[in-house]
Amino acid sequence: MSTAAEQVNPAGALLAMVTAFSHLPAPELHIERLPPAEGGGEFVWGINVSLHDSLSHFEQWRAALGLDPAAVEAHLDGATNWLNVFGTWGGIRVRLTGFFTFHDPAPDR
């Protein structure tokens, strides 16, 4: 059985994260169960960081968290598109997601 005590370390890391990166654009932040790092195991409590409609904000957070740019996965699904990358920050599992839409470079005239 999982207990609330298992969320203490992710909660502390979340507070440290928003303190360290208070100058970055505000993301949605959640403590939630995330898939384990490669190599298997059970889901772990971690931090989900989500940004909407700005790939530059995603990149700012990716760089700040030190997440590997080569590990970023693109999911292109029509109206809903996102980038996703997992990693570790402050000893806690992190998922960074950036949602975006494509904009037509040649607007209708």
C-alpha atoms as a PDB file:
ATOM      1  CA  MET A   1       0.000   0.000   0.000  1.00  0.00           C
ATOM      2  CA  SER A   2       1.255   3.443  -0.915  1.00  0.00           C
ATOM      3  CA  THR A   3       1.199   6.147   1.763  1.00  0.00           C
ATOM      4  CA  ALA A   4       1.296   9.928   1.710  1.00  0.00           C
ATOM      5  CA  ALA A   5       4.734   9.750   3.333  1.00  0.00           C
ATOM      6  CA  GLU A   6       6.099   8.556  -0.028  1.00  0.00           C
ATOM      7  CA  GLN A   7       5.279  12.004  -1.433  1.00  0.00           C
ATOM      8  CA  VAL A   8       7.449  13.927   1.040  1.00  0.00           C
ATOM      9  CA  ASN A   9      10.634  13.829  -1.063  1.00  0.00           C
ATOM     10  CA  PRO A  10       8.905  14.818  -4.321  1.00  0.00           C
ATOM     11  CA  ALA A  11       7.113  17.636  -2.467  1.00  0.00           C
ATOM     12  CA  GLY A  12      10.418  18.928  -1.131  1.00  0.00           C
ATOM     13  CA  ALA A  13      11.990  18.715  -4.588  1.00  0.00           C
ATOM     14  CA  LEU A  14       9.005  20.556  -6.080  1.00  0.00           C
ATOM     15  CA  LEU A  15       9.474  23.395  -3.586  1.00  0.00           C
ATOM     16  CA  ALA A  16      13.204  23.514  -4.335  1.00  0.00           C
ATOM     17  CA  MET A  17      12.439  23.505  -8.064  1.00  0.00           C
ATOM     18  CA  VAL A  18      10.067  26.481  -7.990  1.00  0.00           C
ATOM     19  CA  THR A  19      12.479  28.339  -5.715  1.00  0.00           C
ATOM     20  CA  ALA A  20      15.495  27.671  -7.946  1.00  0.00           C
ATOM     21  CA  PHE A  21      13.642  28.455 -11.174  1.00  0.00           C
ATOM     22  CA  SER A  22      11.243  31.190 -10.074  1.00  0.00           C
ATOM     23  CA  HIS A  23      12.457  33.321 -12.996  1.00  0.00           C
ATOM     24  CA  LEU A  24      11.186  30.794 -15.580  1.00  0.00           C
ATOM     25  CA  PRO A  25       7.671  30.786 -17.074  1.00  0.00           C
ATOM     26  CA  ALA A  26       5.108  29.279 -14.702  1.00  0.00           C
ATOM     27  CA  PRO A  27       4.305  25.632 -15.470  1.00  0.00           C
ATOM     28  CA  GLU A  28       1.584  23.358 -14.166  1.00  0.00           C
ATOM     29  CA  LEU A  29       3.148  21.237 -11.426  1.00  0.00           C
ATOM     30  CA  HIS A  30       1.863  17.955 -10.039  1.00  0.00           C
ATOM     31  CA  ILE A  31       3.185  15.250  -7.786  1.00  0.00           C
ATOM     32  CA  GLU A  32       2.146  11.983  -9.367  1.00  0.00           C
ATOM     33  CA  ARG A  33       3.183   8.404  -9.991  1.00  0.00           C
ATOM     34  CA  LEU A  34       5.640   8.227 -12.886  1.00  0.00           C
ATOM     35  CA  PRO A  35       7.105   5.287 -14.753  1.00  0.00           C
ATOM     36  CA  PRO A  36      10.475   4.202 -13.408  1.00  0.00           C
ATOM     37  CA  ALA A  37      13.734   4.996 -15.135  1.00  0.00           C
ATOM     38  CA  GLU A  38      14.881   2.572 -17.810  1.00  0.00           C
ATOM     39  CA  GLY A  39      15.601  -0.783 -16.309  1.00  0.00           C
ATOM     40  CA  GLY A  40      12.111  -1.402 -15.019  1.00  0.00           C
ATOM     41  CA  GLY A  41      10.702  -1.522 -11.566  1.00  0.00           C
ATOM     42  CA  GLU A  42       7.598  -0.007 -10.070  1.00  0.00           C
ATOM     43  CA  PHE A  43       6.097   3.399 -10.687  1.00  0.00           C
ATOM     44  CA  VAL A  44       7.544   6.040  -8.370  1.00  0.00           C
ATOM     45  CA  TRP A  45       6.283   9.322  -6.960  1.00  0.00           C
ATOM     46  CA  GLY A  46       7.721  12.197  -8.943  1.00  0.00           C
ATOM     47  CA  ILE A  47       7.060  15.637 -10.365  1.00  0.00           C
ATOM     48  CA  ASN A  48       5.126  16.295 -13.560  1.00  0.00           C
ATOM     49  CA  VAL A  49       5.984  19.672 -15.128  1.00  0.00           C
ATOM     50  CA  SER A  50       3.658  20.776 -17.970  1.00  0.00           C
ATOM     51  CA  LEU A  51       3.803  23.811 -20.220  1.00  0.00           C
ATOM     52  CA  HIS A  52       1.249  24.903 -22.816  1.00  0.00           C
ATOM     53  CA  ASP A  53       1.586  26.651 -26.187  1.00  0.00           C
ATOM     54  CA  SER A  54       5.271  27.591 -26.020  1.00  0.00           C
ATOM     55  CA  LEU A  55       8.082  25.338 -27.117  1.00  0.00           C
ATOM     56  CA  SER A  56      10.581  27.973 -25.975  1.00  0.00           C
ATOM     57  CA  HIS A  57       9.209  27.643 -22.416  1.00  0.00           C
ATOM     58  CA  PHE A  58       9.563  23.856 -22.673  1.00  0.00           C
ATOM     59  CA  GLU A  59      13.175  24.280 -23.783  1.00  0.00           C
ATOM     60  CA  GLN A  60      13.940  26.731 -20.957  1.00  0.00           C
ATOM     61  CA  TRP A  61      12.681  24.205 -18.402  1.00  0.00           C
ATOM     62  CA  ARG A  62      14.402  21.284 -20.120  1.00  0.00           C
ATOM     63  CA  ALA A  63      17.741  23.074 -19.971  1.00  0.00           C
ATOM     64  CA  ALA A  64      17.221  24.268 -16.384  1.00  0.00           C
ATOM     65  CA  LEU A  65      16.380  20.742 -15.195  1.00  0.00           C
ATOM     66  CA  GLY A  66      19.346  19.315 -17.091  1.00  0.00           C
ATOM     67  CA  LEU A  67      17.189  16.860 -19.023  1.00  0.00           C
ATOM     68  CA  ASP A  68      18.823  15.205 -22.034  1.00  0.00           C
ATOM     69  CA  PRO A  69      17.696  16.844 -25.312  1.00  0.00           C
ATOM     70  CA  ALA A  70      18.307  13.546 -27.130  1.00  0.00           C
ATOM     71  CA  ALA A  71      15.716  11.881 -24.868  1.00  0.00           C
ATOM     72  CA  VAL A  72      12.890  14.232 -25.910  1.00  0.00           C
ATOM     73  CA  GLU A  73      10.057  12.367 -27.620  1.00  0.00           C
ATOM     74  CA  ALA A  74       7.689  14.114 -30.031  1.00  0.00           C
ATOM     75  CA  HIS A  75       4.036  13.066 -30.167  1.00  0.00           C
ATOM     76  CA  LEU A  76       2.211  14.520 -33.154  1.00  0.00           C
ATOM     77  CA  ASP A  77      -1.484  13.763 -33.094  1.00  0.00           C
ATOM     78  CA  GLY A  78      -3.401  16.307 -35.159  1.00  0.00           C
ATOM     79  CA  ALA A  79      -4.778  19.008 -32.907  1.00  0.00           C
ATOM     80  CA  THR A  80      -2.911  17.794 -29.824  1.00  0.00           C
ATOM     81  CA  ASN A  81       0.873  17.711 -30.060  1.00  0.00           C
ATOM     82  CA  TRP A  82       3.412  17.434 -27.298  1.00  0.00           C
ATOM     83  CA  LEU A  83       7.036  16.901 -26.402  1.00  0.00           C
ATOM     84  CA  ASN A  84       7.855  14.648 -23.503  1.00  0.00           C
ATOM     85  CA  VAL A  85      11.094  13.914 -21.638  1.00  0.00           C
ATOM     86  CA  PHE A  86      11.815  12.028 -18.434  1.00  0.00           C
ATOM     87  CA  GLY A  87      14.776  12.453 -16.152  1.00  0.00           C
ATOM     88  CA  THR A  88      15.868  13.056 -12.598  1.00  0.00           C
ATOM     89  CA  TRP A  89      16.250  16.330 -10.768  1.00  0.00           C
ATOM     90  CA  GLY A  90      17.242  16.598  -7.119  1.00  0.00           C
ATOM     91  CA  GLY A  91      17.106  12.800  -6.888  1.00  0.00           C
ATOM     92  CA  ILE A  92      13.427  12.765  -7.923  1.00  0.00           C
ATOM     93  CA  ARG A  93      11.902  11.391 -11.110  1.00  0.00           C
ATOM     94  CA  VAL A  94      10.627  14.195 -13.381  1.00  0.00           C
ATOM     95  CA  ARG A  95       8.476  14.285 -16.507  1.00  0.00           C
ATOM     96  CA  LEU A  96       8.521  17.492 -18.549  1.00  0.00           C
ATOM     97  CA  THR A  97       5.747  17.881 -21.130  1.00  0.00           C
ATOM     98  CA  GLY A  98       5.248  20.725 -23.572  1.00  0.00           C
ATOM     99  CA  PHE A  99       1.895  20.893 -25.367  1.00  0.00           C
ATOM    100  CA  PHE A 100       1.682  22.910 -28.576  1.00  0.00           C
ATOM    101  CA  THR A 101      -0.222  23.456 -31.806  1.00  0.00           C
ATOM    102  CA  PHE A 102       1.156  24.024 -35.267  1.00  0.00           C
ATOM    103  CA  HIS A 103       0.432  27.431 -36.712  1.00  0.00           C
ATOM    104  CA  ASP A 104       0.027  27.950 -40.432  1.00  0.00           C
ATOM    105  CA  PRO A 105       3.049  30.039 -41.526  1.00  0.00           C
ATOM    106  CA  ALA A 106       1.053  31.510 -44.438  1.00  0.00           C
ATOM    107  CA  PRO A 107      -2.184  32.950 -43.072  1.00  0.00           C
ATOM    108  CA  ASP A 108      -5.224  33.201 -45.335  1.00  0.00           C
ATOM    109  CA  ARG A 109      -5.429  36.413 -47.306  1.00  0.00           C
END
